[in-house]
Each structure stands twice: as structure tokens, then as C-alpha cells.
Amino acid sequence: MITKTQIINSLDKLPDNLTIDQLVDHLIFVEKVEKGLDDSINGRVSSKEEAKEKLSKWLK
């Protein structure tokens, strides 16, 4: 989960004129990166072979 502090820090780095859609997209991106980092730290990852197997089911 993205924290209020992360949102504020993120806002400070964005340009002064942006759309609400751009802001929402940016916040979703930051949250997904944070989740990915948390998954990695906590061992919730797949090997390359596991990923290929999972993707092959979707790419048929």
C-alpha cells in the first residue's frame, strides 16, 4: 500500500501542470512498484521457467 508520505513526495516531483488522469496513472504506477518490491523482499516471486509456463497459458 502506498503511504500518504509517498504520495506527497511523489507529488513534489511531478510537473506543475498535469491532468488528474496523469496523476492517477502515476499513483497507480508507484503503488504497483511498491507491491512488486514488497513481493520480491518477501519471496513472492516466480522463476523464469515458472513465468514462461504461466504466460504460455495466456498467450495461446
N, C-alpha and C. Protein backbone atom coordinates (compact mmCIF):
# COMPACT_ATOMS: atom_id res chain seq x y z
N MET A 1 0.84 -1.18 0.00
CA MET A 1 0.00 0.00 0.00
C MET A 1 0.89 1.24 0.00
N ILE A 2 0.51 2.19 -0.79
CA ILE A 2 1.25 3.45 -0.86
C ILE A 2 0.86 4.32 0.35
N THR A 3 1.85 4.96 0.93
CA THR A 3 1.58 5.78 2.11
C THR A 3 1.34 7.23 1.72
N LYS A 4 0.75 7.96 2.64
CA LYS A 4 0.49 9.39 2.43
C LYS A 4 1.80 10.13 2.16
N THR A 5 2.85 9.78 2.88
CA THR A 5 4.16 10.41 2.69
C THR A 5 4.68 10.15 1.28
N GLN A 6 4.53 8.92 0.80
CA GLN A 6 4.97 8.59 -0.55
C GLN A 6 4.19 9.39 -1.59
N ILE A 7 2.90 9.57 -1.35
CA ILE A 7 2.08 10.37 -2.28
C ILE A 7 2.56 11.81 -2.31
N ILE A 8 2.80 12.38 -1.13
CA ILE A 8 3.26 13.77 -1.05
C ILE A 8 4.62 13.92 -1.73
N ASN A 9 5.54 13.01 -1.46
CA ASN A 9 6.87 13.06 -2.09
C ASN A 9 6.75 12.92 -3.61
N SER A 10 5.86 12.07 -4.04
CA SER A 10 5.65 11.85 -5.46
C SER A 10 5.08 13.10 -6.12
N LEU A 11 4.15 13.76 -5.45
CA LEU A 11 3.55 14.98 -6.00
C LEU A 11 4.58 16.08 -6.17
N ASP A 12 5.51 16.18 -5.24
CA ASP A 12 6.55 17.21 -5.31
C ASP A 12 7.45 17.04 -6.54
N LYS A 13 7.56 15.82 -7.04
CA LYS A 13 8.45 15.55 -8.17
C LYS A 13 7.75 15.68 -9.52
N LEU A 14 6.43 15.84 -9.52
CA LEU A 14 5.67 15.92 -10.76
C LEU A 14 5.64 17.36 -11.28
N PRO A 15 5.39 17.51 -12.58
CA PRO A 15 5.30 18.87 -13.14
C PRO A 15 4.09 19.61 -12.56
N ASP A 16 4.14 20.92 -12.63
CA ASP A 16 3.07 21.74 -12.06
C ASP A 16 1.75 21.57 -12.81
N ASN A 17 1.80 21.37 -14.10
CA ASN A 17 0.56 21.23 -14.85
C ASN A 17 0.45 19.81 -15.40
N LEU A 18 -0.45 19.06 -14.80
CA LEU A 18 -0.74 17.72 -15.27
C LEU A 18 -2.22 17.46 -15.04
N THR A 19 -2.74 16.48 -15.75
CA THR A 19 -4.15 16.18 -15.64
C THR A 19 -4.38 15.23 -14.46
N ILE A 20 -5.62 15.17 -14.03
CA ILE A 20 -6.00 14.22 -12.98
C ILE A 20 -5.69 12.81 -13.43
N ASP A 21 -5.97 12.51 -14.71
CA ASP A 21 -5.69 11.17 -15.23
C ASP A 21 -4.20 10.84 -15.13
N GLN A 22 -3.34 11.80 -15.45
CA GLN A 22 -1.90 11.58 -15.33
C GLN A 22 -1.51 11.33 -13.88
N LEU A 23 -2.10 12.08 -12.97
CA LEU A 23 -1.82 11.91 -11.55
C LEU A 23 -2.24 10.52 -11.07
N VAL A 24 -3.45 10.12 -11.44
CA VAL A 24 -3.94 8.81 -11.04
C VAL A 24 -3.06 7.70 -11.63
N ASP A 25 -2.71 7.82 -12.91
CA ASP A 25 -1.82 6.83 -13.54
C ASP A 25 -0.49 6.75 -12.80
N HIS A 26 0.06 7.89 -12.44
CA HIS A 26 1.34 7.92 -11.72
C HIS A 26 1.22 7.23 -10.36
N LEU A 27 0.16 7.53 -9.63
CA LEU A 27 -0.03 6.94 -8.30
C LEU A 27 -0.24 5.43 -8.39
N ILE A 28 -0.97 4.98 -9.40
CA ILE A 28 -1.15 3.54 -9.60
C ILE A 28 0.19 2.89 -9.90
N PHE A 29 1.00 3.53 -10.75
CA PHE A 29 2.33 3.01 -11.07
C PHE A 29 3.19 2.88 -9.81
N VAL A 30 3.22 3.94 -9.00
CA VAL A 30 4.03 3.92 -7.77
C VAL A 30 3.56 2.81 -6.85
N GLU A 31 2.25 2.64 -6.72
CA GLU A 31 1.72 1.58 -5.84
C GLU A 31 2.10 0.20 -6.34
N LYS A 32 2.03 0.00 -7.66
CA LYS A 32 2.40 -1.31 -8.22
C LYS A 32 3.89 -1.61 -8.05
N VAL A 33 4.72 -0.59 -8.19
CA VAL A 33 6.16 -0.78 -7.97
C VAL A 33 6.40 -1.15 -6.51
N GLU A 34 5.75 -0.46 -5.58
CA GLU A 34 5.90 -0.77 -4.16
C GLU A 34 5.46 -2.20 -3.87
N LYS A 35 4.35 -2.64 -4.47
CA LYS A 35 3.88 -4.01 -4.26
C LYS A 35 4.89 -5.01 -4.81
N GLY A 36 5.43 -4.72 -5.99
CA GLY A 36 6.43 -5.61 -6.58
C GLY A 36 7.67 -5.73 -5.72
N LEU A 37 8.13 -4.61 -5.18
CA LEU A 37 9.29 -4.64 -4.29
C LEU A 37 8.99 -5.44 -3.03
N ASP A 38 7.80 -5.25 -2.48
CA ASP A 38 7.40 -6.00 -1.28
C ASP A 38 7.31 -7.50 -1.59
N ASP A 39 6.74 -7.85 -2.74
CA ASP A 39 6.67 -9.25 -3.14
C ASP A 39 8.07 -9.85 -3.25
N SER A 40 8.98 -9.11 -3.85
CA SER A 40 10.35 -9.59 -4.03
C SER A 40 11.05 -9.79 -2.68
N ILE A 41 10.90 -8.83 -1.81
CA ILE A 41 11.53 -8.92 -0.48
C ILE A 41 11.00 -10.11 0.30
N ASN A 42 9.72 -10.40 0.14
CA ASN A 42 9.08 -11.47 0.90
C ASN A 42 9.03 -12.80 0.16
N GLY A 43 9.80 -12.91 -0.91
CA GLY A 43 9.95 -14.18 -1.61
C GLY A 43 8.76 -14.59 -2.46
N ARG A 44 7.86 -13.67 -2.75
CA ARG A 44 6.71 -13.99 -3.59
C ARG A 44 7.07 -13.68 -5.05
N VAL A 45 7.94 -14.52 -5.60
CA VAL A 45 8.43 -14.35 -6.96
C VAL A 45 8.36 -15.68 -7.69
N SER A 46 8.43 -15.63 -9.01
CA SER A 46 8.44 -16.83 -9.83
C SER A 46 9.77 -16.91 -10.56
N SER A 47 10.22 -18.14 -10.78
CA SER A 47 11.43 -18.33 -11.57
C SER A 47 11.10 -18.02 -13.03
N LYS A 48 12.12 -17.92 -13.84
CA LYS A 48 11.93 -17.64 -15.26
C LYS A 48 11.09 -18.74 -15.91
N GLU A 49 11.36 -19.97 -15.55
CA GLU A 49 10.62 -21.11 -16.11
C GLU A 49 9.17 -21.09 -15.65
N GLU A 50 8.92 -20.78 -14.38
CA GLU A 50 7.55 -20.69 -13.88
C GLU A 50 6.79 -19.58 -14.60
N ALA A 51 7.46 -18.46 -14.83
CA ALA A 51 6.83 -17.34 -15.52
C ALA A 51 6.48 -17.72 -16.95
N LYS A 52 7.39 -18.40 -17.64
CA LYS A 52 7.14 -18.84 -19.01
C LYS A 52 5.93 -19.77 -19.05
N GLU A 53 5.85 -20.69 -18.09
CA GLU A 53 4.73 -21.63 -18.03
C GLU A 53 3.40 -20.90 -17.81
N LYS A 54 3.41 -19.94 -16.87
CA LYS A 54 2.18 -19.18 -16.60
C LYS A 54 1.77 -18.36 -17.81
N LEU A 55 2.75 -17.73 -18.48
CA LEU A 55 2.45 -16.90 -19.64
C LEU A 55 1.98 -17.73 -20.84
N SER A 56 2.50 -18.93 -20.96
CA SER A 56 2.11 -19.76 -22.11
C SER A 56 0.62 -20.06 -22.08
N LYS A 57 0.04 -20.13 -20.90
CA LYS A 57 -1.41 -20.38 -20.78
C LYS A 57 -2.20 -19.18 -21.31
N TRP A 58 -1.65 -17.99 -21.15
CA TRP A 58 -2.35 -16.78 -21.57
C TRP A 58 -2.09 -16.45 -23.04
N LEU A 59 -0.96 -16.87 -23.57
CA LEU A 59 -0.56 -16.45 -24.92
C LEU A 59 -0.92 -17.46 -26.00
N LYS A 60 -1.73 -18.43 -25.67
CA LYS A 60 -2.14 -19.44 -26.67
C LYS A 60 -3.21 -18.88 -27.57
